[in-house]
């Protein structure tokens, strides 16, 4: 039994949006974790490689 195509599309879209948030948007002021910079520091070099400015 295979998973229907719309389920794959929705799942892939949600994962992509989550990845874009954590790599491109998550910074201290708008972080869903409050004033915690661990996620920002973890993806910091990836942000610059992908063209997202952060400082």
C-alpha atoms as a PDB file:
ATOM      1  CA  UNK A   1       0.000   0.000   0.000  1.00  0.00           C
ATOM      2  CA  UNK A   2       1.497   3.332  -1.024  1.00  0.00           C
ATOM      3  CA  UNK A   3       1.008   6.755   0.508  1.00  0.00           C
ATOM      4  CA  UNK A   4      -1.122   9.090  -1.673  1.00  0.00           C
ATOM      5  CA  UNK A   5       0.695  11.870  -3.519  1.00  0.00           C
ATOM      6  CA  UNK A   6      -1.072  14.764  -1.705  1.00  0.00           C
ATOM      7  CA  UNK A   7       0.185  13.432   1.632  1.00  0.00           C
ATOM      8  CA  UNK A   8       3.782  13.430   0.316  1.00  0.00           C
ATOM      9  CA  UNK A   9       3.356  16.950  -1.059  1.00  0.00           C
ATOM     10  CA  UNK A  10       1.934  18.327   2.183  1.00  0.00           C
ATOM     11  CA  UNK A  11       4.595  16.593   4.284  1.00  0.00           C
ATOM     12  CA  UNK A  12       7.426  17.775   2.058  1.00  0.00           C
ATOM     13  CA  UNK A  13       6.077  21.332   2.067  1.00  0.00           C
ATOM     14  CA  UNK A  14       5.811  21.398   5.853  1.00  0.00           C
ATOM     15  CA  UNK A  15       9.348  20.063   6.285  1.00  0.00           C
ATOM     16  CA  UNK A  16      10.691  22.585   3.761  1.00  0.00           C
ATOM     17  CA  UNK A  17       8.965  25.488   5.539  1.00  0.00           C
ATOM     18  CA  UNK A  18      10.289  24.286   8.876  1.00  0.00           C
ATOM     19  CA  UNK A  19      13.814  24.066   7.455  1.00  0.00           C
ATOM     20  CA  UNK A  20      13.541  27.561   5.947  1.00  0.00           C
ATOM     21  CA  UNK A  21      12.346  28.914   9.300  1.00  0.00           C
ATOM     22  CA  UNK A  22      15.200  27.415  11.289  1.00  0.00           C
ATOM     23  CA  UNK A  23      17.893  28.250   8.740  1.00  0.00           C
ATOM     24  CA  UNK A  24      16.661  31.595   7.477  1.00  0.00           C
ATOM     25  CA  UNK A  25      14.436  33.239  10.048  1.00  0.00           C
ATOM     26  CA  UNK A  26      15.096  31.881  13.546  1.00  0.00           C
ATOM     27  CA  UNK A  27      17.089  34.462  15.461  1.00  0.00           C
ATOM     28  CA  UNK A  28      16.927  35.510  19.074  1.00  0.00           C
ATOM     29  CA  UNK A  29      14.102  38.066  18.791  1.00  0.00           C
ATOM     30  CA  UNK A  30      11.741  35.862  16.776  1.00  0.00           C
ATOM     31  CA  UNK A  31      12.897  32.466  18.015  1.00  0.00           C
ATOM     32  CA  UNK A  32      10.218  29.994  19.010  1.00  0.00           C
ATOM     33  CA  UNK A  33      12.563  28.969  21.838  1.00  0.00           C
ATOM     34  CA  UNK A  34      12.644  32.428  23.415  1.00  0.00           C
ATOM     35  CA  UNK A  35      15.944  34.188  23.914  1.00  0.00           C
ATOM     36  CA  UNK A  36      17.976  31.091  23.031  1.00  0.00           C
ATOM     37  CA  UNK A  37      20.596  31.261  20.293  1.00  0.00           C
ATOM     38  CA  UNK A  38      21.495  27.545  20.098  1.00  0.00           C
ATOM     39  CA  UNK A  39      19.595  26.937  16.838  1.00  0.00           C
ATOM     40  CA  UNK A  40      21.015  30.110  15.302  1.00  0.00           C
ATOM     41  CA  UNK A  41      24.559  29.138  16.200  1.00  0.00           C
ATOM     42  CA  UNK A  42      24.028  25.562  14.973  1.00  0.00           C
ATOM     43  CA  UNK A  43      22.987  26.683  11.469  1.00  0.00           C
ATOM     44  CA  UNK A  44      25.082  29.878  11.369  1.00  0.00           C
ATOM     45  CA  UNK A  45      27.531  28.847   8.644  1.00  0.00           C
ATOM     46  CA  UNK A  46      24.733  27.289   6.598  1.00  0.00           C
ATOM     47  CA  UNK A  47      22.853  30.594   6.755  1.00  0.00           C
ATOM     48  CA  UNK A  48      25.736  32.458   5.150  1.00  0.00           C
ATOM     49  CA  UNK A  49      26.330  29.686   2.593  1.00  0.00           C
ATOM     50  CA  UNK A  50      22.669  29.911   1.510  1.00  0.00           C
ATOM     51  CA  UNK A  51      22.749  33.723   1.380  1.00  0.00           C
ATOM     52  CA  UNK A  52      20.790  34.587   4.523  1.00  0.00           C
ATOM     53  CA  UNK A  53      22.340  37.556   6.329  1.00  0.00           C
ATOM     54  CA  UNK A  54      22.299  37.420  10.098  1.00  0.00           C
ATOM     55  CA  UNK A  55      24.651  40.156  11.303  1.00  0.00           C
END
